[in-house]
Protein backbone atom coordinates (compact mmCIF):
# COMPACT_ATOMS: atom_id res chain seq x y z
CA MET A 1 77.81 -20.82 39.69
CA GLU A 2 74.23 -22.13 40.69
CA VAL A 3 73.59 -20.29 44.64
CA LEU A 4 71.91 -23.05 47.11
CA THR A 5 69.14 -21.14 49.24
CA LEU A 6 67.93 -22.75 52.18
CA LYS A 7 64.28 -23.15 52.34
CA PRO A 8 62.09 -21.24 54.22
CA THR A 9 62.08 -24.22 56.78
CA LEU A 10 65.56 -23.13 58.59
CA GLY A 11 63.64 -20.28 60.08
CA VAL A 12 60.46 -21.67 60.73
CA ARG A 13 62.34 -24.44 62.76
CA LEU A 14 64.83 -22.44 64.65
CA ARG A 15 61.79 -20.33 65.92
CA GLU A 16 59.45 -23.44 66.73
CA LEU A 17 62.93 -25.16 68.56
CA ARG A 18 63.46 -21.34 70.29
CA GLU A 19 59.91 -20.81 71.18
CA ALA A 20 59.38 -24.97 72.70
CA LYS A 21 62.62 -23.92 75.35
CA ASN A 22 60.04 -20.69 75.69
CA LEU A 23 63.54 -18.30 75.16
CA SER A 24 62.72 -14.87 73.79
CA GLN A 25 64.99 -13.91 70.51
CA LYS A 26 66.85 -11.95 72.61
CA GLU A 27 67.66 -14.83 74.83
CA ALA A 28 68.62 -16.99 72.08
CA ALA A 29 69.94 -15.03 70.27
CA SER A 30 72.88 -14.14 73.45
CA ARG A 31 73.63 -17.54 73.95
CA PHE A 32 74.24 -17.95 70.49
CA GLY A 33 76.40 -14.88 70.49
CA ILE A 34 74.55 -12.86 67.43
CA THR A 35 72.50 -9.98 67.51
CA ASN A 36 68.68 -10.14 68.13
CA PHE A 37 68.92 -8.26 64.46
CA GLN A 38 70.63 -11.40 62.96
CA LEU A 39 68.50 -14.16 65.04
CA SER A 40 65.40 -12.91 63.64
CA ARG A 41 66.69 -12.63 59.70
CA TYR A 42 67.84 -16.42 60.39
CA GLU A 43 63.91 -16.79 61.46
CA THR A 44 61.97 -14.81 58.89
CA GLY A 45 64.08 -16.58 55.96
CA LYS A 46 65.88 -13.21 55.21
CA ALA A 47 69.87 -14.26 55.81
CA ASN A 48 71.11 -17.55 55.95
CA PRO A 49 73.64 -18.67 58.91
CA ASP A 50 76.83 -20.09 58.21
CA PRO A 51 77.71 -23.63 58.88
CA ASP A 52 79.07 -23.20 61.90
CA LEU A 53 76.58 -21.48 63.56
CA ILE A 54 73.71 -23.74 61.92
CA ALA A 55 76.24 -26.57 63.74
CA LYS A 56 75.75 -24.56 66.41
CA PHE A 57 72.04 -24.08 66.49
CA ALA A 58 71.93 -28.06 65.82
CA GLU A 59 73.96 -29.03 69.31
CA PHE A 60 71.84 -26.76 71.66
CA TYR A 61 68.18 -27.77 69.99
CA GLU A 62 69.80 -31.29 69.83
CA VAL A 63 67.99 -31.53 66.40
CA SER A 64 70.30 -32.83 63.29
CA SER A 65 71.35 -30.38 61.05
CA ASP A 66 69.96 -32.34 58.55
CA TYR A 67 66.47 -31.29 60.22
CA LEU A 68 66.96 -27.29 60.36
CA LEU A 69 67.53 -27.59 56.44
CA GLY A 70 64.73 -28.96 56.18
CA LEU A 71 65.97 -31.91 54.43
CA SER A 72 65.23 -34.45 56.91
CA ASP A 73 61.84 -34.88 59.43
CA ILE A 74 63.98 -36.77 61.39
CA ARG A 75 64.97 -34.13 64.43
CA ASN A 76 67.95 -36.42 65.59
CA PRO A 77 68.17 -39.56 64.06
CA GLU A 78 70.02 -40.85 67.00
CA LYS A 79 67.84 -40.52 69.40
CA GLN A 80 65.11 -42.21 67.54
CA PRO A 81 63.42 -44.94 69.47
CA GLU A 82 64.66 -48.32 68.06
CA GLY A 83 63.16 -49.75 65.35
CA GLU A 84 60.79 -46.69 64.46
CA MET A 85 63.80 -46.06 61.29
CA PHE A 86 62.03 -49.31 59.51
CA PHE A 87 58.56 -47.33 59.51
CA TRP A 88 59.04 -44.18 58.91
CA ASP A 89 59.03 -44.61 55.23
CA LEU A 90 56.25 -46.71 54.69
CA GLU A 91 54.22 -44.38 52.33
CA ASN A 92 55.72 -45.73 49.23
CA THR A 93 54.76 -49.34 50.67
CA THR A 94 51.76 -51.29 48.96
CA PRO A 95 49.14 -52.66 51.46
CA GLU A 96 50.36 -56.57 50.61
CA GLU A 97 53.60 -54.84 51.24
CA ILE A 98 52.77 -53.62 54.73
CA GLU A 99 50.68 -57.34 55.18
CA GLU A 100 54.00 -59.54 54.51
CA ALA A 101 55.83 -57.39 56.92
CA LYS A 102 52.90 -57.88 59.49
CA ARG A 103 53.92 -61.81 59.30
CA TYR A 104 56.99 -61.99 59.10
CA ILE A 105 57.28 -60.07 62.45
CA GLU A 106 54.22 -62.64 64.14
CA PHE A 107 56.83 -65.52 62.66
CA ARG A 108 59.69 -63.94 64.68
CA ARG A 109 57.87 -63.47 67.21
CA GLN A 110 56.65 -66.79 67.76
CA GLN A 111 59.67 -68.32 67.05
CA LEU A 112 61.35 -66.53 69.82
CA ASN A 113 58.89 -67.14 72.23
CA LYS A 114 59.14 -71.16 71.10
CA ARG A 115 63.03 -70.60 72.39
CA LYS A 116 62.01 -68.97 75.28
CA HIS A 117 60.07 -71.89 76.13
CA GLU A 118 62.53 -73.97 75.19
CA ASP A 119 65.86 -72.96 77.31
CA SER A 120 63.57 -72.44 80.25
């Protein structure tokens, strides 16, 4: 049976999120009902939290569990600005495809502006 080990990303992200809220390890641990020692082990990658605790971390820090686990670099897909999801995967797009997309967007803008003037 293969054992899933979490990427070191979990610990790094837990620490970054905690520090962004200006919390000490002791303060954060208290909020989660764990010891400072346990939180330290999670942040250093020496232990992995259970799924319920990962959910608590995600809720408190307002990020997705996928973000915490390193499965996504999007902190919270539900809070992404509209339209941004389209652009975050451009690294696999050719320059020609990008230019075509730009032309289409400009075409749609012109259509919408034309309708606005017709409706006025």
